[in-house]
Protein backbone atom coordinates (compact mmCIF):
# COMPACT_ATOMS: atom_id res chain seq x y z
CA LEU A 1 2.55 15.63 -34.48
CA ALA A 2 3.27 14.41 -38.02
CA ALA A 3 0.98 14.12 -41.17
CA THR A 4 1.92 12.20 -43.97
CA ALA A 5 -0.08 11.39 -47.31
CA THR A 6 0.92 9.24 -50.45
CA ALA A 7 -0.26 10.21 -54.13
CA SER A 8 -1.38 6.95 -55.84
CA ALA A 9 0.14 8.14 -58.97
CA GLY A 10 3.49 8.69 -57.40
CA GLY A 11 5.27 12.22 -56.98
CA TRP A 12 5.11 13.99 -53.87
CA ALA A 13 2.04 15.83 -51.91
CA THR A 14 2.04 18.66 -49.47
CA VAL A 15 -0.13 18.20 -46.29
CA GLY A 16 -1.54 21.93 -44.79
CA MET A 17 -3.26 21.67 -41.14
CA HIS A 18 -5.44 24.30 -40.33
CA PRO A 19 -6.06 25.36 -37.48
CA LEU A 20 -3.08 23.84 -35.55
CA PRO A 21 -3.36 22.83 -32.15
CA THR A 22 -3.34 25.15 -29.49
CA ASP A 23 -4.39 25.12 -25.96
CA VAL A 24 -5.86 21.56 -26.55
CA GLY A 25 -5.50 19.44 -23.46
CA PRO A 26 -6.09 16.03 -22.20
CA GLY A 27 -10.08 14.95 -23.49
CA ASP A 28 -10.22 18.07 -25.32
CA THR A 29 -12.04 17.95 -28.79
CA TRP A 30 -9.93 19.13 -31.85
CA ASN A 31 -11.06 19.90 -35.13
CA THR A 32 -8.54 20.59 -37.98
CA GLU A 33 -8.88 20.34 -41.90
CA LEU A 34 -6.03 18.71 -43.94
CA THR A 35 -5.60 20.25 -47.12
CA ILE A 36 -3.24 17.60 -49.58
CA LEU A 37 -1.94 18.92 -52.87
CA GLN A 38 -0.04 16.71 -55.32
CA HIS A 39 2.91 19.15 -56.23
CA GLY A 40 2.02 21.46 -53.67
CA GLU A 41 -0.67 22.71 -56.24
CA THR A 42 -3.26 20.16 -57.46
CA PRO A 43 -5.97 19.06 -54.85
CA LEU A 44 -5.79 15.03 -54.48
CA THR A 45 -9.19 13.62 -53.93
CA GLY A 46 -10.31 10.08 -52.98
CA LEU A 47 -7.33 9.74 -50.38
CA SER A 48 -7.68 8.05 -46.69
CA PRO A 49 -5.19 10.00 -44.74
CA THR A 50 -5.12 9.68 -40.94
CA ILE A 51 -3.44 11.53 -38.14
CA ALA A 52 -1.39 9.82 -35.67
CA ILE A 53 -0.50 11.37 -32.21
CA THR A 54 1.90 9.76 -29.90
CA LEU A 55 2.43 10.60 -26.18
CA ASP A 56 6.23 11.44 -25.52
CA ASP A 57 5.94 10.10 -21.86
CA THR A 58 4.06 6.85 -22.30
CA GLY A 59 4.78 6.29 -26.57
CA ARG A 60 1.02 5.45 -26.95
CA THR A 61 0.05 6.36 -30.36
CA GLU A 62 -3.69 7.34 -31.32
CA THR A 63 -4.72 7.28 -35.14
CA PHE A 64 -7.55 9.22 -36.09
CA ALA A 65 -9.01 8.87 -39.67
CA ALA A 66 -9.94 12.05 -41.80
CA THR A 67 -12.87 12.31 -44.12
CA GLU A 68 -12.96 14.11 -47.35
CA THR A 69 -15.39 17.12 -47.39
CA ASP A 70 -17.09 18.67 -50.20
CA LYS A 71 -13.96 20.78 -51.12
CA PRO A 72 -11.30 18.90 -53.51
CA GLY A 73 -8.28 18.19 -51.51
CA VAL A 74 -9.85 19.09 -48.24
CA TYR A 75 -10.33 16.33 -45.28
């Protein structure tokens, strides 16, 4: 599982994910929040982050779009 974010103004950003997936099986729903911080400090808003999940055995990838919440930097 990998999450990436790109800041349009350049530099770098950190992406935190909570909660991490545990005990999630095929067909189960997993809801998480991504917190994206520019330089690890400043919440980034107005982004379009995605989460891509790849099955090891088949290589099939599913991509899920995250939506912005009312909390700055949280999707």
